[in-house]
Amino acid sequence: MKTISVLLLLSLALAVTGCNTVKGVGQDLQKAGEKIEDAAKKK
């Protein structure tokens, strides 16, 4: 469980530094959600 928590925190840190802003994170999450939604519609 500790390893999973560390990996989750590292990936979150990378995502935040890649976007540089909370707004950027929100946009990235929205785009990811749209892609998942599109993939679900195709099936």
PDB file of N, CA and C in Angstrom:
ATOM      1  N   MET A   1       0.832  -1.194   0.000  1.00  0.00           N
ATOM      2  CA  MET A   1       0.000   0.000   0.000  1.00  0.00           C
ATOM      3  C   MET A   1       0.872   1.252   0.000  1.00  0.00           C
ATOM      4  N   LYS A   2       1.969   1.203   0.736  1.00  0.00           N
ATOM      5  CA  LYS A   2       2.865   2.355   0.807  1.00  0.00           C
ATOM      6  C   LYS A   2       3.468   2.649  -0.566  1.00  0.00           C
ATOM      7  N   THR A   3       3.823   1.615  -1.306  1.00  0.00           N
ATOM      8  CA  THR A   3       4.394   1.791  -2.639  1.00  0.00           C
ATOM      9  C   THR A   3       3.390   2.439  -3.586  1.00  0.00           C
ATOM     10  N   ILE A   4       2.150   2.003  -3.510  1.00  0.00           N
ATOM     11  CA  ILE A   4       1.107   2.572  -4.367  1.00  0.00           C
ATOM     12  C   ILE A   4       0.914   4.048  -4.038  1.00  0.00           C
ATOM     13  N   SER A   5       0.918   4.387  -2.766  1.00  0.00           N
ATOM     14  CA  SER A   5       0.755   5.783  -2.355  1.00  0.00           C
ATOM     15  C   SER A   5       1.894   6.652  -2.880  1.00  0.00           C
ATOM     16  N   VAL A   6       3.113   6.136  -2.795  1.00  0.00           N
ATOM     17  CA  VAL A   6       4.275   6.890  -3.267  1.00  0.00           C
ATOM     18  C   VAL A   6       4.184   7.098  -4.778  1.00  0.00           C
ATOM     19  N   LEU A   7       3.829   6.052  -5.514  1.00  0.00           N
ATOM     20  CA  LEU A   7       3.704   6.168  -6.965  1.00  0.00           C
ATOM     21  C   LEU A   7       2.600   7.154  -7.351  1.00  0.00           C
ATOM     22  N   LEU A   8       1.505   7.122  -6.630  1.00  0.00           N
ATOM     23  CA  LEU A   8       0.408   8.044  -6.891  1.00  0.00           C
ATOM     24  C   LEU A   8       0.845   9.485  -6.654  1.00  0.00           C
ATOM     25  N   LEU A   9       1.542   9.730  -5.569  1.00  0.00           N
ATOM     26  CA  LEU A   9       2.016  11.081  -5.271  1.00  0.00           C
ATOM     27  C   LEU A   9       3.023  11.562  -6.310  1.00  0.00           C
ATOM     28  N   LEU A  10       3.902  10.684  -6.742  1.00  0.00           N
ATOM     29  CA  LEU A  10       4.881  11.064  -7.766  1.00  0.00           C
ATOM     30  C   LEU A  10       4.204  11.411  -9.085  1.00  0.00           C
ATOM     31  N   SER A  11       3.242  10.603  -9.483  1.00  0.00           N
ATOM     32  CA  SER A  11       2.556  10.882 -10.742  1.00  0.00           C
ATOM     33  C   SER A  11       1.739  12.166 -10.640  1.00  0.00           C
ATOM     34  N   LEU A  12       1.143  12.429  -9.498  1.00  0.00           N
ATOM     35  CA  LEU A  12       0.413  13.669  -9.293  1.00  0.00           C
ATOM     36  C   LEU A  12       1.365  14.870  -9.359  1.00  0.00           C
ATOM     37  N   ALA A  13       2.520  14.736  -8.751  1.00  0.00           N
ATOM     38  CA  ALA A  13       3.505  15.819  -8.779  1.00  0.00           C
ATOM     39  C   ALA A  13       3.965  16.098 -10.204  1.00  0.00           C
ATOM     40  N   LEU A  14       4.195  15.055 -10.976  1.00  0.00           N
ATOM     41  CA  LEU A  14       4.596  15.240 -12.373  1.00  0.00           C
ATOM     42  C   LEU A  14       3.496  15.919 -13.176  1.00  0.00           C
ATOM     43  N   ALA A  15       2.261  15.526 -12.952  1.00  0.00           N
ATOM     44  CA  ALA A  15       1.141  16.127 -13.677  1.00  0.00           C
ATOM     45  C   ALA A  15       1.010  17.608 -13.337  1.00  0.00           C
ATOM     46  N   VAL A  16       1.152  17.942 -12.077  1.00  0.00           N
ATOM     47  CA  VAL A  16       1.012  19.339 -11.650  1.00  0.00           C
ATOM     48  C   VAL A  16       2.156  20.185 -12.204  1.00  0.00           C
ATOM     49  N   THR A  17       3.377  19.675 -12.170  1.00  0.00           N
ATOM     50  CA  THR A  17       4.498  20.463 -12.684  1.00  0.00           C
ATOM     51  C   THR A  17       4.438  20.571 -14.202  1.00  0.00           C
ATOM     52  N   GLY A  18       3.858  19.591 -14.859  1.00  0.00           N
ATOM     53  CA  GLY A  18       3.724  19.654 -16.309  1.00  0.00           C
ATOM     54  C   GLY A  18       2.717  20.704 -16.733  1.00  0.00           C
ATOM     55  N   CYS A  19       1.713  20.919 -15.950  1.00  0.00           N
ATOM     56  CA  CYS A  19       0.660  21.888 -16.295  1.00  0.00           C
ATOM     57  C   CYS A  19       0.963  23.277 -15.763  1.00  0.00           C
ATOM     58  N   ASN A  20       1.654  23.343 -14.648  1.00  0.00           N
ATOM     59  CA  ASN A  20       2.046  24.588 -13.987  1.00  0.00           C
ATOM     60  C   ASN A  20       0.904  25.347 -13.320  1.00  0.00           C
ATOM     61  N   THR A  21      -0.341  25.025 -13.620  1.00  0.00           N
ATOM     62  CA  THR A  21      -1.446  25.738 -12.983  1.00  0.00           C
ATOM     63  C   THR A  21      -2.581  24.781 -12.677  1.00  0.00           C
ATOM     64  N   VAL A  22      -3.406  25.146 -11.754  1.00  0.00           N
ATOM     65  CA  VAL A  22      -4.577  24.343 -11.422  1.00  0.00           C
ATOM     66  C   VAL A  22      -5.531  24.330 -12.616  1.00  0.00           C
ATOM     67  N   LYS A  23      -5.624  25.457 -13.304  1.00  0.00           N
ATOM     68  CA  LYS A  23      -6.468  25.538 -14.489  1.00  0.00           C
ATOM     69  C   LYS A  23      -5.993  24.543 -15.547  1.00  0.00           C
ATOM     70  N   GLY A  24      -4.702  24.438 -15.716  1.00  0.00           N
ATOM     71  CA  GLY A  24      -4.133  23.494 -16.676  1.00  0.00           C
ATOM     72  C   GLY A  24      -4.461  22.058 -16.298  1.00  0.00           C
ATOM     73  N   VAL A  25      -4.392  21.746 -15.017  1.00  0.00           N
ATOM     74  CA  VAL A  25      -4.741  20.400 -14.552  1.00  0.00           C
ATOM     75  C   VAL A  25      -6.200  20.108 -14.865  1.00  0.00           C
ATOM     76  N   GLY A  26      -7.056  21.075 -14.623  1.00  0.00           N
ATOM     77  CA  GLY A  26      -8.483  20.901 -14.915  1.00  0.00           C
ATOM     78  C   GLY A  26      -8.725  20.655 -16.390  1.00  0.00           C
ATOM     79  N   GLN A  27      -8.023  21.374 -17.243  1.00  0.00           N
ATOM     80  CA  GLN A  27      -8.170  21.181 -18.684  1.00  0.00           C
ATOM     81  C   GLN A  27      -7.678  19.803 -19.099  1.00  0.00           C
ATOM     82  N   ASP A  28      -6.566  19.364 -18.535  1.00  0.00           N
ATOM     83  CA  ASP A  28      -6.040  18.040 -18.856  1.00  0.00           C
ATOM     84  C   ASP A  28      -7.016  16.948 -18.432  1.00  0.00           C
ATOM     85  N   LEU A  29      -7.583  17.083 -17.246  1.00  0.00           N
ATOM     86  CA  LEU A  29      -8.543  16.097 -16.769  1.00  0.00           C
ATOM     87  C   LEU A  29      -9.790  16.083 -17.642  1.00  0.00           C
ATOM     88  N   GLN A  30     -10.213  17.250 -18.088  1.00  0.00           N
ATOM     89  CA  GLN A  30     -11.385  17.331 -18.950  1.00  0.00           C
ATOM     90  C   GLN A  30     -11.120  16.632 -20.284  1.00  0.00           C
ATOM     91  N   LYS A  31      -9.954  16.860 -20.856  1.00  0.00           N
ATOM     92  CA  LYS A  31      -9.600  16.214 -22.125  1.00  0.00           C
ATOM     93  C   LYS A  31      -9.529  14.701 -21.956  1.00  0.00           C
ATOM     94  N   ALA A  32      -8.952  14.252 -20.843  1.00  0.00           N
ATOM     95  CA  ALA A  32      -8.861  12.815 -20.586  1.00  0.00           C
ATOM     96  C   ALA A  32     -10.255  12.216 -20.445  1.00  0.00           C
ATOM     97  N   GLY A  33     -11.135  12.924 -19.752  1.00  0.00           N
ATOM     98  CA  GLY A  33     -12.513  12.459 -19.589  1.00  0.00           C
ATOM     99  C   GLY A  33     -13.237  12.371 -20.924  1.00  0.00           C
ATOM    100  N   GLU A  34     -12.995  13.344 -21.797  1.00  0.00           N
ATOM    101  CA  GLU A  34     -13.627  13.321 -23.116  1.00  0.00           C
ATOM    102  C   GLU A  34     -13.156  12.126 -23.940  1.00  0.00           C
ATOM    103  N   LYS A  35     -11.869  11.817 -23.853  1.00  0.00           N
ATOM    104  CA  LYS A  35     -11.341  10.672 -24.600  1.00  0.00           C
ATOM    105  C   LYS A  35     -11.922   9.362 -24.082  1.00  0.00           C
ATOM    106  N   ILE A  36     -12.057   9.254 -22.776  1.00  0.00           N
ATOM    107  CA  ILE A  36     -12.653   8.049 -22.186  1.00  0.00           C
ATOM    108  C   ILE A  36     -14.112   7.937 -22.614  1.00  0.00           C
ATOM    109  N   GLU A  37     -14.806   9.056 -22.608  1.00  0.00           N
ATOM    110  CA  GLU A  37     -16.220   9.068 -23.015  1.00  0.00           C
ATOM    111  C   GLU A  37     -16.357   8.666 -24.484  1.00  0.00           C
ATOM    112  N   ASP A  38     -15.494   9.182 -25.335  1.00  0.00           N
ATOM    113  CA  ASP A  38     -15.524   8.828 -26.754  1.00  0.00           C
ATOM    114  C   ASP A  38     -15.259   7.339 -26.956  1.00  0.00           C
ATOM    115  N   ALA A  39     -14.286   6.809 -26.212  1.00  0.00           N
ATOM    116  CA  ALA A  39     -13.954   5.393 -26.319  1.00  0.00           C
ATOM    117  C   ALA A  39     -15.134   4.529 -25.868  1.00  0.00           C
ATOM    118  N   ALA A  40     -15.844   4.976 -24.834  1.00  0.00           N
ATOM    119  CA  ALA A  40     -16.989   4.229 -24.324  1.00  0.00           C
ATOM    120  C   ALA A  40     -18.140   4.251 -25.343  1.00  0.00           C
ATOM    121  N   LYS A  41     -18.295   5.352 -26.049  1.00  0.00           N
ATOM    122  CA  LYS A  41     -19.356   5.455 -27.047  1.00  0.00           C
ATOM    123  C   LYS A  41     -19.097   4.556 -28.239  1.00  0.00           C
ATOM    124  N   LYS A  42     -17.835   4.317 -28.568  1.00  0.00           N
ATOM    125  CA  LYS A  42     -17.477   3.494 -29.723  1.00  0.00           C
ATOM    126  C   LYS A  42     -17.779   2.015 -29.465  1.00  0.00           C
ATOM    127  N   LYS A  43     -17.810   1.605 -28.211  1.00  0.00           N
ATOM    128  CA  LYS A  43     -18.026   0.182 -27.897  1.00  0.00           C
ATOM    129  C   LYS A  43     -19.468  -0.175 -27.832  1.00  0.00           C
TER     130      LYS A  43
END
